[in-house]
Amino acid sequence: MNLERDELRLGILLTLNRKDRLMEHTKGKMEEVPDFVGLLQINGQTICCVSPVSCQSVEDLEKRKANAKHLVKCWNSHDDLLAACEMIIRVLDGDPITELNEKPITVIKRAIAAAQVEPD
């Protein structure tokens, strides 16, 4: 047993589990790297490599492409979908929304359209 290593692990776990510390994700639009199927980046910083990592067949490569495309759409449409849902809640709660430049249905339709993955 290595006490120093165990103390370090405990310190890391305590830091990661702190409730008062809000973790923040990388900001920006996610993009697929054209020369590497399944590698996703934000502002040139690699965020993840999509599975299946080792492509043993054409089907594996197609699955990786589809997974990457889906993740990019999810990441990039998240904020708009969340805003649309929050707007719906306010409208349903009877909150008078006077500062809107657009109708709620327009915002909702645009957020849904942005989240849909188009077939290749």
PDB file of N, CA and C in Angstrom:
ATOM      1  N   MET A   1       0.845  -1.190   0.000  1.00  0.00           N
ATOM      2  CA  MET A   1       0.000   0.000   0.000  1.00  0.00           C
ATOM      3  C   MET A   1       0.880   1.240   0.000  1.00  0.00           C
ATOM      4  N   ASN A   2       0.617   2.134  -0.911  1.00  0.00           N
ATOM      5  CA  ASN A   2       1.366   3.368  -1.022  1.00  0.00           C
ATOM      6  C   ASN A   2       0.501   4.499  -0.483  1.00  0.00           C
ATOM      7  N   LEU A   3       0.797   4.956   0.728  1.00  0.00           N
ATOM      8  CA  LEU A   3      -0.017   5.951   1.407  1.00  0.00           C
ATOM      9  C   LEU A   3      -0.061   7.260   0.628  1.00  0.00           C
ATOM     10  N   GLU A   4       1.072   7.675   0.098  1.00  0.00           N
ATOM     11  CA  GLU A   4       1.126   8.933  -0.645  1.00  0.00           C
ATOM     12  C   GLU A   4       0.216   8.881  -1.881  1.00  0.00           C
ATOM     13  N   ARG A   5       0.280   7.772  -2.626  1.00  0.00           N
ATOM     14  CA  ARG A   5      -0.552   7.616  -3.815  1.00  0.00           C
ATOM     15  C   ARG A   5      -2.032   7.562  -3.425  1.00  0.00           C
ATOM     16  N   ASP A   6      -2.364   6.861  -2.344  1.00  0.00           N
ATOM     17  CA  ASP A   6      -3.753   6.772  -1.896  1.00  0.00           C
ATOM     18  C   ASP A   6      -4.285   8.131  -1.458  1.00  0.00           C
ATOM     19  N   GLU A   7      -3.444   8.925  -0.793  1.00  0.00           N
ATOM     20  CA  GLU A   7      -3.863  10.270  -0.398  1.00  0.00           C
ATOM     21  C   GLU A   7      -4.114  11.143  -1.622  1.00  0.00           C
ATOM     22  N   LEU A   8      -3.284  11.001  -2.643  1.00  0.00           N
ATOM     23  CA  LEU A   8      -3.471  11.755  -3.876  1.00  0.00           C
ATOM     24  C   LEU A   8      -4.781  11.358  -4.547  1.00  0.00           C
ATOM     25  N   ARG A   9      -5.047  10.061  -4.623  1.00  0.00           N
ATOM     26  CA  ARG A   9      -6.306   9.589  -5.203  1.00  0.00           C
ATOM     27  C   ARG A   9      -7.501  10.135  -4.425  1.00  0.00           C
ATOM     28  N   LEU A  10      -7.435  10.091  -3.116  1.00  0.00           N
ATOM     29  CA  LEU A  10      -8.519  10.593  -2.285  1.00  0.00           C
ATOM     30  C   LEU A  10      -8.726  12.082  -2.526  1.00  0.00           C
ATOM     31  N   GLY A  11      -7.634  12.836  -2.634  1.00  0.00           N
ATOM     32  CA  GLY A  11      -7.733  14.272  -2.900  1.00  0.00           C
ATOM     33  C   GLY A  11      -8.390  14.555  -4.235  1.00  0.00           C
ATOM     34  N   ILE A  12      -8.045  13.782  -5.238  1.00  0.00           N
ATOM     35  CA  ILE A  12      -8.646  13.949  -6.558  1.00  0.00           C
ATOM     36  C   ILE A  12     -10.130  13.625  -6.505  1.00  0.00           C
ATOM     37  N   LEU A  13     -10.490  12.532  -5.841  1.00  0.00           N
ATOM     38  CA  LEU A  13     -11.900  12.155  -5.734  1.00  0.00           C
ATOM     39  C   LEU A  13     -12.705  13.212  -4.985  1.00  0.00           C
ATOM     40  N   LEU A  14     -12.152  13.725  -3.911  1.00  0.00           N
ATOM     41  CA  LEU A  14     -12.858  14.757  -3.152  1.00  0.00           C
ATOM     42  C   LEU A  14     -13.039  16.016  -3.989  1.00  0.00           C
ATOM     43  N   THR A  15     -12.028  16.380  -4.757  1.00  0.00           N
ATOM     44  CA  THR A  15     -12.118  17.556  -5.614  1.00  0.00           C
ATOM     45  C   THR A  15     -13.180  17.361  -6.689  1.00  0.00           C
ATOM     46  N   LEU A  16     -13.204  16.184  -7.307  1.00  0.00           N
ATOM     47  CA  LEU A  16     -14.173  15.921  -8.370  1.00  0.00           C
ATOM     48  C   LEU A  16     -15.599  15.847  -7.848  1.00  0.00           C
ATOM     49  N   ASN A  17     -15.783  15.450  -6.605  1.00  0.00           N
ATOM     50  CA  ASN A  17     -17.120  15.262  -6.048  1.00  0.00           C
ATOM     51  C   ASN A  17     -17.663  16.465  -5.296  1.00  0.00           C
ATOM     52  N   ARG A  18     -16.922  17.553  -5.265  1.00  0.00           N
ATOM     53  CA  ARG A  18     -17.409  18.730  -4.552  1.00  0.00           C
ATOM     54  C   ARG A  18     -18.678  19.250  -5.203  1.00  0.00           C
ATOM     55  N   LYS A  19     -19.708  19.439  -4.412  1.00  0.00           N
ATOM     56  CA  LYS A  19     -21.000  19.893  -4.925  1.00  0.00           C
ATOM     57  C   LYS A  19     -20.979  21.385  -5.270  1.00  0.00           C
ATOM     58  N   ASP A  20     -20.109  22.150  -4.618  1.00  0.00           N
ATOM     59  CA  ASP A  20     -20.085  23.587  -4.847  1.00  0.00           C
ATOM     60  C   ASP A  20     -19.237  23.972  -6.056  1.00  0.00           C
ATOM     61  N   ARG A  21     -18.618  22.997  -6.684  1.00  0.00           N
ATOM     62  CA  ARG A  21     -17.756  23.264  -7.832  1.00  0.00           C
ATOM     63  C   ARG A  21     -18.467  22.796  -9.095  1.00  0.00           C
ATOM     64  N   LEU A  22     -18.875  23.732  -9.918  1.00  0.00           N
ATOM     65  CA  LEU A  22     -19.573  23.406 -11.147  1.00  0.00           C
ATOM     66  C   LEU A  22     -18.553  23.167 -12.258  1.00  0.00           C
ATOM     67  N   MET A  23     -18.554  21.963 -12.792  1.00  0.00           N
ATOM     68  CA  MET A  23     -17.647  21.662 -13.891  1.00  0.00           C
ATOM     69  C   MET A  23     -18.145  22.371 -15.142  1.00  0.00           C
ATOM     70  N   GLU A  24     -17.224  22.798 -15.957  1.00  0.00           N
ATOM     71  CA  GLU A  24     -17.580  23.501 -17.176  1.00  0.00           C
ATOM     72  C   GLU A  24     -17.019  22.755 -18.374  1.00  0.00           C
ATOM     73  N   HIS A  25     -17.851  22.593 -19.382  1.00  0.00           N
ATOM     74  CA  HIS A  25     -17.396  21.907 -20.583  1.00  0.00           C
ATOM     75  C   HIS A  25     -16.749  22.894 -21.547  1.00  0.00           C
ATOM     76  N   THR A  26     -16.087  22.368 -22.552  1.00  0.00           N
ATOM     77  CA  THR A  26     -15.467  23.198 -23.572  1.00  0.00           C
ATOM     78  C   THR A  26     -16.560  23.910 -24.352  1.00  0.00           C
ATOM     79  N   LYS A  27     -16.412  25.203 -24.540  1.00  0.00           N
ATOM     80  CA  LYS A  27     -17.412  26.003 -25.255  1.00  0.00           C
ATOM     81  C   LYS A  27     -17.087  26.026 -26.739  1.00  0.00           C
ATOM     82  N   GLY A  28     -18.119  26.127 -27.545  1.00  0.00           N
ATOM     83  CA  GLY A  28     -17.948  26.260 -28.979  1.00  0.00           C
ATOM     84  C   GLY A  28     -18.693  25.188 -29.748  1.00  0.00           C
ATOM     85  N   LYS A  29     -18.666  25.348 -31.057  1.00  0.00           N
ATOM     86  CA  LYS A  29     -19.311  24.391 -31.951  1.00  0.00           C
ATOM     87  C   LYS A  29     -18.372  23.225 -32.219  1.00  0.00           C
ATOM     88  N   MET A  30     -18.910  22.033 -32.138  1.00  0.00           N
ATOM     89  CA  MET A  30     -18.126  20.836 -32.407  1.00  0.00           C
ATOM     90  C   MET A  30     -18.112  20.580 -33.906  1.00  0.00           C
ATOM     91  N   GLU A  31     -16.973  20.066 -34.383  1.00  0.00           N
ATOM     92  CA  GLU A  31     -16.833  19.746 -35.802  1.00  0.00           C
ATOM     93  C   GLU A  31     -16.142  18.410 -35.968  1.00  0.00           C
ATOM     94  N   GLU A  32     -16.476  17.741 -37.065  1.00  0.00           N
ATOM     95  CA  GLU A  32     -15.774  16.522 -37.425  1.00  0.00           C
ATOM     96  C   GLU A  32     -14.475  16.910 -38.127  1.00  0.00           C
ATOM     97  N   VAL A  33     -13.411  16.174 -37.867  1.00  0.00           N
ATOM     98  CA  VAL A  33     -12.141  16.400 -38.546  1.00  0.00           C
ATOM     99  C   VAL A  33     -12.215  15.664 -39.886  1.00  0.00           C
ATOM    100  N   PRO A  34     -12.103  16.393 -40.998  1.00  0.00           N
ATOM    101  CA  PRO A  34     -12.317  15.781 -42.311  1.00  0.00           C
ATOM    102  C   PRO A  34     -11.390  14.604 -42.631  1.00  0.00           C
ATOM    103  N   ASP A  35     -10.151  14.658 -42.211  1.00  0.00           N
ATOM    104  CA  ASP A  35      -9.189  13.615 -42.572  1.00  0.00           C
ATOM    105  C   ASP A  35      -9.137  12.445 -41.593  1.00  0.00           C
ATOM    106  N   PHE A  36      -9.987  12.470 -40.552  1.00  0.00           N
ATOM    107  CA  PHE A  36      -9.978  11.395 -39.557  1.00  0.00           C
ATOM    108  C   PHE A  36     -11.417  11.130 -39.136  1.00  0.00           C
ATOM    109  N   VAL A  37     -12.028  10.145 -39.721  1.00  0.00           N
ATOM    110  CA  VAL A  37     -13.434   9.835 -39.429  1.00  0.00           C
ATOM    111  C   VAL A  37     -13.587   9.491 -37.952  1.00  0.00           C
ATOM    112  N   GLY A  38     -14.460  10.236 -37.290  1.00  0.00           N
ATOM    113  CA  GLY A  38     -14.748   9.961 -35.886  1.00  0.00           C
ATOM    114  C   GLY A  38     -14.002  10.833 -34.900  1.00  0.00           C
ATOM    115  N   LEU A  39     -13.076  11.676 -35.367  1.00  0.00           N
ATOM    116  CA  LEU A  39     -12.359  12.576 -34.464  1.00  0.00           C
ATOM    117  C   LEU A  39     -13.137  13.890 -34.416  1.00  0.00           C
ATOM    118  N   LEU A  40     -13.511  14.325 -33.210  1.00  0.00           N
ATOM    119  CA  LEU A  40     -14.322  15.527 -33.041  1.00  0.00           C
ATOM    120  C   LEU A  40     -13.531  16.585 -32.298  1.00  0.00           C
ATOM    121  N   GLN A  41     -13.616  17.824 -32.794  1.00  0.00           N
ATOM    122  CA  GLN A  41     -12.862  18.919 -32.215  1.00  0.00           C
ATOM    123  C   GLN A  41     -13.739  20.151 -32.021  1.00  0.00           C
ATOM    124  N   ILE A  42     -13.285  21.000 -31.085  1.00  0.00           N
ATOM    125  CA  ILE A  42     -13.855  22.323 -30.892  1.00  0.00           C
ATOM    126  C   ILE A  42     -12.687  23.291 -30.918  1.00  0.00           C
ATOM    127  N   ASN A  43     -12.747  24.254 -31.817  1.00  0.00           N
ATOM    128  CA  ASN A  43     -11.668  25.241 -31.978  1.00  0.00           C
ATOM    129  C   ASN A  43     -10.305  24.574 -32.095  1.00  0.00           C
ATOM    130  N   GLY A  44     -10.219  23.486 -32.840  1.00  0.00           N
ATOM    131  CA  GLY A  44      -8.955  22.792 -33.049  1.00  0.00           C
ATOM    132  C   GLY A  44      -8.518  21.899 -31.906  1.00  0.00           C
ATOM    133  N   GLN A  45      -9.281  21.847 -30.828  1.00  0.00           N
ATOM    134  CA  GLN A  45      -8.941  21.011 -29.676  1.00  0.00           C
ATOM    135  C   GLN A  45      -9.746  19.712 -29.758  1.00  0.00           C
ATOM    136  N   THR A  46      -9.042  18.585 -29.726  1.00  0.00           N
ATOM    137  CA  THR A  46      -9.718  17.293 -29.793  1.00  0.00           C
ATOM    138  C   THR A  46     -10.547  17.072 -28.542  1.00  0.00           C
ATOM    139  N   ILE A  47     -11.811  16.723 -28.760  1.00  0.00           N
ATOM    140  CA  ILE A  47     -12.741  16.474 -27.663  1.00  0.00           C
ATOM    141  C   ILE A  47     -12.928  14.981 -27.461  1.00  0.00           C
ATOM    142  N   CYS A  48     -13.060  14.241 -28.556  1.00  0.00           N
ATOM    143  CA  CYS A  48     -13.231  12.802 -28.428  1.00  0.00           C
ATOM    144  C   CYS A  48     -12.982  12.100 -29.757  1.00  0.00           C
ATOM    145  N   CYS A  49     -12.797  10.799 -29.641  1.00  0.00           N
ATOM    146  CA  CYS A  49     -12.715   9.914 -30.801  1.00  0.00           C
ATOM    147  C   CYS A  49     -13.880   8.948 -30.665  1.00  0.00           C
ATOM    148  N   VAL A  50     -14.695   8.889 -31.678  1.00  0.00           N
ATOM    149  CA  VAL A  50     -15.942   8.145 -31.628  1.00  0.00           C
ATOM    150  C   VAL A  50     -15.716   6.662 -31.891  1.00  0.00           C
ATOM    151  N   SER A  51     -16.453   5.829 -31.189  1.00  0.00           N
ATOM    152  CA  SER A  51     -16.390   4.380 -31.375  1.00  0.00           C
ATOM    153  C   SER A  51     -17.198   3.960 -32.590  1.00  0.00           C
ATOM    154  N   PRO A  52     -16.949   2.839 -33.190  1.00  0.00           N
ATOM    155  CA  PRO A  52     -15.858   1.935 -32.853  1.00  0.00           C
ATOM    156  C   PRO A  52     -14.513   2.525 -33.259  1.00  0.00           C
ATOM    157  N   VAL A  53     -13.566   2.488 -32.333  1.00  0.00           N
ATOM    158  CA  VAL A  53     -12.251   3.102 -32.565  1.00  0.00           C
ATOM    159  C   VAL A  53     -11.476   2.340 -33.625  1.00  0.00           C
ATOM    160  N   SER A  54     -11.439   1.031 -33.530  1.00  0.00           N
ATOM    161  CA  SER A  54     -10.753   0.252 -34.556  1.00  0.00           C
ATOM    162  C   SER A  54     -11.788  -0.256 -35.549  1.00  0.00           C
ATOM    163  N   CYS A  55     -11.670   0.197 -36.771  1.00  0.00           N
ATOM    164  CA  CYS A  55     -12.625  -0.185 -37.807  1.00  0.00           C
ATOM    165  C   CYS A  55     -12.124  -1.444 -38.495  1.00  0.00           C
ATOM    166  N   GLN A  56     -12.827  -2.526 -38.293  1.00  0.00           N
ATOM    167  CA  GLN A  56     -12.458  -3.808 -38.890  1.00  0.00           C
ATOM    168  C   GLN A  56     -13.219  -4.067 -40.185  1.00  0.00           C
ATOM    169  N   SER A  57     -14.227  -3.233 -40.468  1.00  0.00           N
ATOM    170  CA  SER A  57     -15.036  -3.459 -41.657  1.00  0.00           C
ATOM    171  C   SER A  57     -15.624  -2.129 -42.127  1.00  0.00           C
ATOM    172  N   VAL A  58     -16.228  -2.169 -43.302  1.00  0.00           N
ATOM    173  CA  VAL A  58     -16.906  -0.992 -43.837  1.00  0.00           C
ATOM    174  C   VAL A  58     -18.066  -0.609 -42.923  1.00  0.00           C
ATOM    175  N   GLU A  59     -18.731  -1.612 -42.362  1.00  0.00           N
ATOM    176  CA  GLU A  59     -19.852  -1.348 -41.445  1.00  0.00           C
ATOM    177  C   GLU A  59     -19.379  -0.585 -40.207  1.00  0.00           C
ATOM    178  N   ASP A  60     -18.190  -0.956 -39.689  1.00  0.00           N
ATOM    179  CA  ASP A  60     -17.633  -0.244 -38.537  1.00  0.00           C
ATOM    180  C   ASP A  60     -17.370   1.222 -38.883  1.00  0.00           C
ATOM    181  N   LEU A  61     -16.834   1.455 -40.069  1.00  0.00           N
ATOM    182  CA  LEU A  61     -16.532   2.820 -40.498  1.00  0.00           C
ATOM    183  C   LEU A  61     -17.815   3.627 -40.664  1.00  0.00           C
ATOM    184  N   GLU A  62     -18.830   3.024 -41.236  1.00  0.00           N
ATOM    185  CA  GLU A  62     -20.116   3.702 -41.400  1.00  0.00           C
ATOM    186  C   GLU A  62     -20.759   3.999 -40.048  1.00  0.00           C
ATOM    187  N   LYS A  63     -20.642   3.057 -39.105  1.00  0.00           N
ATOM    188  CA  LYS A  63     -21.179   3.270 -37.761  1.00  0.00           C
ATOM    189  C   LYS A  63     -20.461   4.432 -37.083  1.00  0.00           C
ATOM    190  N   ARG A  64     -19.140   4.490 -37.243  1.00  0.00           N
ATOM    191  CA  ARG A  64     -18.360   5.586 -36.664  1.00  0.00           C
ATOM    192  C   ARG A  64     -18.793   6.924 -37.256  1.00  0.00           C
ATOM    193  N   LYS A  65     -18.980   6.967 -38.577  1.00  0.00           N
ATOM    194  CA  LYS A  65     -19.424   8.207 -39.228  1.00  0.00           C
ATOM    195  C   LYS A  65     -20.778   8.642 -38.677  1.00  0.00           C
ATOM    196  N   ALA A  66     -21.707   7.692 -38.570  1.00  0.00           N
ATOM    197  CA  ALA A  66     -23.050   8.006 -38.075  1.00  0.00           C
ATOM    198  C   ALA A  66     -23.009   8.471 -36.617  1.00  0.00           C
ATOM    199  N   ASN A  67     -22.216   7.800 -35.788  1.00  0.00           N
ATOM    200  CA  ASN A  67     -22.085   8.197 -34.380  1.00  0.00           C
ATOM    201  C   ASN A  67     -21.491   9.592 -34.262  1.00  0.00           C
ATOM    202  N   ALA A  68     -20.474   9.871 -35.058  1.00  0.00           N
ATOM    203  CA  ALA A  68     -19.833  11.191 -35.018  1.00  0.00           C
ATOM    204  C   ALA A  68     -20.818  12.276 -35.430  1.00  0.00           C
ATOM    205  N   LYS A  69     -21.547  12.035 -36.514  1.00  0.00           N
ATOM    206  CA  LYS A  69     -22.522  13.017 -36.990  1.00  0.00           C
ATOM    207  C   LYS A  69     -23.595  13.277 -35.924  1.00  0.00           C
ATOM    208  N   HIS A  70     -24.047  12.206 -35.277  1.00  0.00           N
ATOM    209  CA  HIS A  70     -25.076  12.350 -34.235  1.00  0.00           C
ATOM    210  C   HIS A  70     -24.541  13.148 -33.037  1.00  0.00           C
ATOM    211  N   LEU A  71     -23.340  12.843 -32.597  1.00  0.00           N
ATOM    212  CA  LEU A  71     -22.756  13.577 -31.467  1.00  0.00           C
ATOM    213  C   LEU A  71     -22.572  15.052 -31.777  1.00  0.00           C
ATOM    214  N   VAL A  72     -22.127  15.361 -32.986  1.00  0.00           N
ATOM    215  CA  VAL A  72     -21.949  16.765 -33.384  1.00  0.00           C
ATOM    216  C   VAL A  72     -23.292  17.490 -33.344  1.00  0.00           C
ATOM    217  N   LYS A  73     -24.330  16.857 -33.892  1.00  0.00           N
ATOM    218  CA  LYS A  73     -25.662  17.481 -33.867  1.00  0.00           C
ATOM    219  C   LYS A  73     -26.150  17.688 -32.439  1.00  0.00           C
ATOM    220  N   CYS A  74     -25.968  16.683 -31.584  1.00  0.00           N
ATOM    221  CA  CYS A  74     -26.399  16.803 -30.182  1.00  0.00           C
ATOM    222  C   CYS A  74     -25.683  17.952 -29.486  1.00  0.00           C
ATOM    223  N   TRP A  75     -24.370  17.992 -29.627  1.00  0.00           N
ATOM    224  CA  TRP A  75     -23.567  19.029 -28.979  1.00  0.00           C
ATOM    225  C   TRP A  75     -23.978  20.412 -29.467  1.00  0.00           C
ATOM    226  N   ASN A  76     -24.065  20.565 -30.789  1.00  0.00           N
ATOM    227  CA  ASN A  76     -24.287  21.889 -31.367  1.00  0.00           C
ATOM    228  C   ASN A  76     -25.720  22.387 -31.235  1.00  0.00           C
ATOM    229  N   SER A  77     -26.678  21.497 -31.023  1.00  0.00           N
ATOM    230  CA  SER A  77     -28.072  21.931 -30.908  1.00  0.00           C
ATOM    231  C   SER A  77     -28.554  21.979 -29.454  1.00  0.00           C
ATOM    232  N   HIS A  78     -27.736  21.537 -28.523  1.00  0.00           N
ATOM    233  CA  HIS A  78     -28.139  21.447 -27.123  1.00  0.00           C
ATOM    234  C   HIS A  78     -28.662  22.776 -26.571  1.00  0.00           C
ATOM    235  N   ASP A  79     -27.915  23.840 -26.730  1.00  0.00           N
ATOM    236  CA  ASP A  79     -28.306  25.128 -26.136  1.00  0.00           C
ATOM    237  C   ASP A  79     -29.619  25.649 -26.710  1.00  0.00           C
ATOM    238  N   ASP A  80     -29.813  25.498 -28.037  1.00  0.00           N
ATOM    239  CA  ASP A  80     -31.061  25.957 -28.653  1.00  0.00           C
ATOM    240  C   ASP A  80     -32.252  25.123 -28.192  1.00  0.00           C
ATOM    241  N   LEU A  81     -32.061  23.812 -28.077  1.00  0.00           N
ATOM    242  CA  LEU A  81     -33.148  22.955 -27.602  1.00  0.00           C
ATOM    243  C   LEU A  81     -33.507  23.271 -26.156  1.00  0.00           C
ATOM    244  N   LEU A  82     -32.500  23.501 -25.335  1.00  0.00           N
ATOM    245  CA  LEU A  82     -32.741  23.854 -23.942  1.00  0.00           C
ATOM    246  C   LEU A  82     -33.492  25.183 -23.848  1.00  0.00           C
ATOM    247  N   ALA A  83     -33.092  26.164 -24.625  1.00  0.00           N
ATOM    248  CA  ALA A  83     -33.775  27.470 -24.618  1.00  0.00           C
ATOM    249  C   ALA A  83     -35.228  27.325 -25.079  1.00  0.00           C
ATOM    250  N   ALA A  84     -35.456  26.489 -26.089  1.00  0.00           N
ATOM    251  CA  ALA A  84     -36.823  26.275 -26.574  1.00  0.00           C
ATOM    252  C   ALA A  84     -37.683  25.625 -25.488  1.00  0.00           C
ATOM    253  N   CYS A  85     -37.129  24.633 -24.799  1.00  0.00           N
ATOM    254  CA  CYS A  85     -37.871  23.976 -23.714  1.00  0.00           C
ATOM    255  C   CYS A  85     -38.172  24.949 -22.583  1.00  0.00           C
ATOM    256  N   GLU A  86     -37.204  25.775 -22.232  1.00  0.00           N
ATOM    257  CA  GLU A  86     -37.429  26.771 -21.174  1.00  0.00           C
ATOM    258  C   GLU A  86     -38.509  27.765 -21.589  1.00  0.00           C
ATOM    259  N   MET A  87     -38.532  28.131 -22.870  1.00  0.00           N
ATOM    260  CA  MET A  87     -39.559  29.047 -23.368  1.00  0.00           C
ATOM    261  C   MET A  87     -40.940  28.391 -23.270  1.00  0.00           C
ATOM    262  N   ILE A  88     -41.033  27.124 -23.621  1.00  0.00           N
ATOM    263  CA  ILE A  88     -42.308  26.400 -23.538  1.00  0.00           C
ATOM    264  C   ILE A  88     -42.816  26.393 -22.101  1.00  0.00           C
ATOM    265  N   ILE A  89     -41.929  26.123 -21.168  1.00  0.00           N
ATOM    266  CA  ILE A  89     -42.315  26.093 -19.754  1.00  0.00           C
ATOM    267  C   ILE A  89     -42.855  27.451 -19.327  1.00  0.00           C
ATOM    268  N   ARG A  90     -42.175  28.516 -19.720  1.00  0.00           N
ATOM    269  CA  ARG A  90     -42.638  29.862 -19.349  1.00  0.00           C
ATOM    270  C   ARG A  90     -44.013  30.150 -19.932  1.00  0.00           C
ATOM    271  N   VAL A  91     -44.229  29.780 -21.194  1.00  0.00           N
ATOM    272  CA  VAL A  91     -45.520  30.015 -21.840  1.00  0.00           C
ATOM    273  C   VAL A  91     -46.614  29.191 -21.150  1.00  0.00           C
ATOM    274  N   LEU A  92     -46.328  27.922 -20.886  1.00  0.00           N
ATOM    275  CA  LEU A  92     -47.328  27.058 -20.246  1.00  0.00           C
ATOM    276  C   LEU A  92     -47.643  27.494 -18.815  1.00  0.00           C
ATOM    277  N   ASP A  93     -46.656  28.087 -18.158  1.00  0.00           N
ATOM    278  CA  ASP A  93     -46.884  28.587 -16.798  1.00  0.00           C
ATOM    279  C   ASP A  93     -47.640  29.917 -16.791  1.00  0.00           C
ATOM    280  N   GLY A  94     -47.922  30.457 -17.981  1.00  0.00           N
ATOM    281  CA  GLY A  94     -48.664  31.713 -18.058  1.00  0.00           C
ATOM    282  C   GLY A  94     -47.800  32.941 -17.889  1.00  0.00           C
ATOM    283  N   ASP A  95     -46.486  32.789 -17.976  1.00  0.00           N
ATOM    284  CA  ASP A  95     -45.557  33.910 -17.846  1.00  0.00           C
ATOM    285  C   ASP A  95     -45.661  34.790 -19.088  1.00  0.00           C
ATOM    286  N   PRO A  96     -46.004  36.067 -18.912  1.00  0.00           N
ATOM    287  CA  PRO A  96     -46.079  36.935 -20.094  1.00  0.00           C
ATOM    288  C   PRO A  96     -44.665  37.197 -20.636  1.00  0.00           C
ATOM    289  N   ILE A  97     -44.432  36.715 -21.841  1.00  0.00           N
ATOM    290  CA  ILE A  97     -43.115  36.874 -22.454  1.00  0.00           C
ATOM    291  C   ILE A  97     -43.203  38.055 -23.415  1.00  0.00           C
ATOM    292  N   THR A  98     -42.713  39.186 -22.954  1.00  0.00           N
ATOM    293  CA  THR A  98     -42.824  40.403 -23.761  1.00  0.00           C
ATOM    294  C   THR A  98     -41.522  40.755 -24.477  1.00  0.00           C
ATOM    295  N   GLU A  99     -40.395  40.173 -24.029  1.00  0.00           N
ATOM    296  CA  GLU A  99     -39.107  40.539 -24.611  1.00  0.00           C
ATOM    297  C   GLU A  99     -38.734  39.695 -25.826  1.00  0.00           C
ATOM    298  N   LEU A 100     -39.652  38.867 -26.292  1.00  0.00           N
ATOM    299  CA  LEU A 100     -39.340  37.978 -27.415  1.00  0.00           C
ATOM    300  C   LEU A 100     -39.394  38.716 -28.745  1.00  0.00           C
ATOM    301  N   ASN A 101     -38.433  38.390 -29.600  1.00  0.00           N
ATOM    302  CA  ASN A 101     -38.442  38.919 -30.960  1.00  0.00           C
ATOM    303  C   ASN A 101     -39.136  37.956 -31.910  1.00  0.00           C
ATOM    304  N   GLU A 102     -39.328  36.721 -31.466  1.00  0.00           N
ATOM    305  CA  GLU A 102     -39.919  35.687 -32.309  1.00  0.00           C
ATOM    306  C   GLU A 102     -41.013  34.963 -31.544  1.00  0.00           C
ATOM    307  N   LYS A 103     -41.897  34.333 -32.307  1.00  0.00           N
ATOM    308  CA  LYS A 103     -42.924  33.509 -31.690  1.00  0.00           C
ATOM    309  C   LYS A 103     -42.262  32.250 -31.135  1.00  0.00           C
ATOM    310  N   PRO A 104     -42.763  31.738 -30.017  1.00  0.00           N
ATOM    311  CA  PRO A 104     -42.194  30.505 -29.458  1.00  0.00           C
ATOM    312  C   PRO A 104     -42.160  29.348 -30.455  1.00  0.00           C
ATOM    313  N   ILE A 105     -43.201  29.200 -31.265  1.00  0.00           N
ATOM    314  CA  ILE A 105     -43.229  28.084 -32.217  1.00  0.00           C
ATOM    315  C   ILE A 105     -42.093  28.191 -33.225  1.00  0.00           C
ATOM    316  N   THR A 106     -41.709  29.390 -33.609  1.00  0.00           N
ATOM    317  CA  THR A 106     -40.600  29.592 -34.544  1.00  0.00           C
ATOM    318  C   THR A 106     -39.287  29.150 -33.917  1.00  0.00           C
ATOM    319  N   VAL A 107     -39.087  29.503 -32.656  1.00  0.00           N
ATOM    320  CA  VAL A 107     -37.870  29.112 -31.941  1.00  0.00           C
ATOM    321  C   VAL A 107     -37.804  27.594 -31.799  1.00  0.00           C
ATOM    322  N   ILE A 108     -38.936  26.992 -31.462  1.00  0.00           N
ATOM    323  CA  ILE A 108     -38.991  25.541 -31.270  1.00  0.00           C
ATOM    324  C   ILE A 108     -38.716  24.804 -32.582  1.00  0.00           C
ATOM    325  N   LYS A 109     -39.363  25.225 -33.666  1.00  0.00           N
ATOM    326  CA  LYS A 109     -39.152  24.566 -34.956  1.00  0.00           C
ATOM    327  C   LYS A 109     -37.696  24.684 -35.416  1.00  0.00           C
ATOM    328  N   ARG A 110     -37.093  25.841 -35.213  1.00  0.00           N
ATOM    329  CA  ARG A 110     -35.694  26.031 -35.616  1.00  0.00           C
ATOM    330  C   ARG A 110     -34.772  25.133 -34.786  1.00  0.00           C
ATOM    331  N   ALA A 111     -35.031  25.013 -33.491  1.00  0.00           N
ATOM    332  CA  ALA A 111     -34.192  24.171 -32.627  1.00  0.00           C
ATOM    333  C   ALA A 111     -34.319  22.705 -33.023  1.00  0.00           C
ATOM    334  N   ILE A 112     -35.515  22.267 -33.330  1.00  0.00           N
ATOM    335  CA  ILE A 112     -35.715  20.871 -33.752  1.00  0.00           C
ATOM    336  C   ILE A 112     -35.020  20.620 -35.092  1.00  0.00           C
ATOM    337  N   ALA A 113     -35.162  21.537 -36.031  1.00  0.00           N
ATOM    338  CA  ALA A 113     -34.528  21.374 -37.343  1.00  0.00           C
ATOM    339  C   ALA A 113     -33.012  21.302 -37.213  1.00  0.00           C
ATOM    340  N   ALA A 114     -32.437  22.095 -36.326  1.00  0.00           N
ATOM    341  CA  ALA A 114     -30.987  22.083 -36.132  1.00  0.00           C
ATOM    342  C   ALA A 114     -30.503  20.780 -35.508  1.00  0.00           C
ATOM    343  N   ALA A 115     -31.380  20.138 -34.749  1.00  0.00           N
ATOM    344  CA  ALA A 115     -30.990  18.901 -34.055  1.00  0.00           C
ATOM    345  C   ALA A 115     -31.149  17.656 -34.927  1.00  0.00           C
ATOM    346  N   GLN A 116     -31.914  17.753 -35.985  1.00  0.00           N
ATOM    347  CA  GLN A 116     -32.155  16.587 -36.838  1.00  0.00           C
ATOM    348  C   GLN A 116     -30.926  16.276 -37.690  1.00  0.00           C
ATOM    349  N   VAL A 117     -30.594  15.009 -37.759  1.00  0.00           N
ATOM    350  CA  VAL A 117     -29.451  14.568 -38.569  1.00  0.00           C
ATOM    351  C   VAL A 117     -29.966  14.208 -39.950  1.00  0.00           C
ATOM    352  N   GLU A 118     -29.375  14.861 -40.955  1.00  0.00           N
ATOM    353  CA  GLU A 118     -29.764  14.577 -42.329  1.00  0.00           C
ATOM    354  C   GLU A 118     -29.052  13.319 -42.802  1.00  0.00           C
ATOM    355  N   PRO A 119     -29.747  12.499 -43.583  1.00  0.00           N
ATOM    356  CA  PRO A 119     -29.072  11.316 -44.135  1.00  0.00           C
ATOM    357  C   PRO A 119     -28.006  11.732 -45.158  1.00  0.00           C
ATOM    358  N   ASP A 120     -26.977  10.905 -45.286  1.00  0.00           N
ATOM    359  CA  ASP A 120     -25.915  11.200 -46.255  1.00  0.00           C
ATOM    360  C   ASP A 120     -26.423  11.070 -47.672  1.00  0.00           C
TER     361      ASP A 120
END
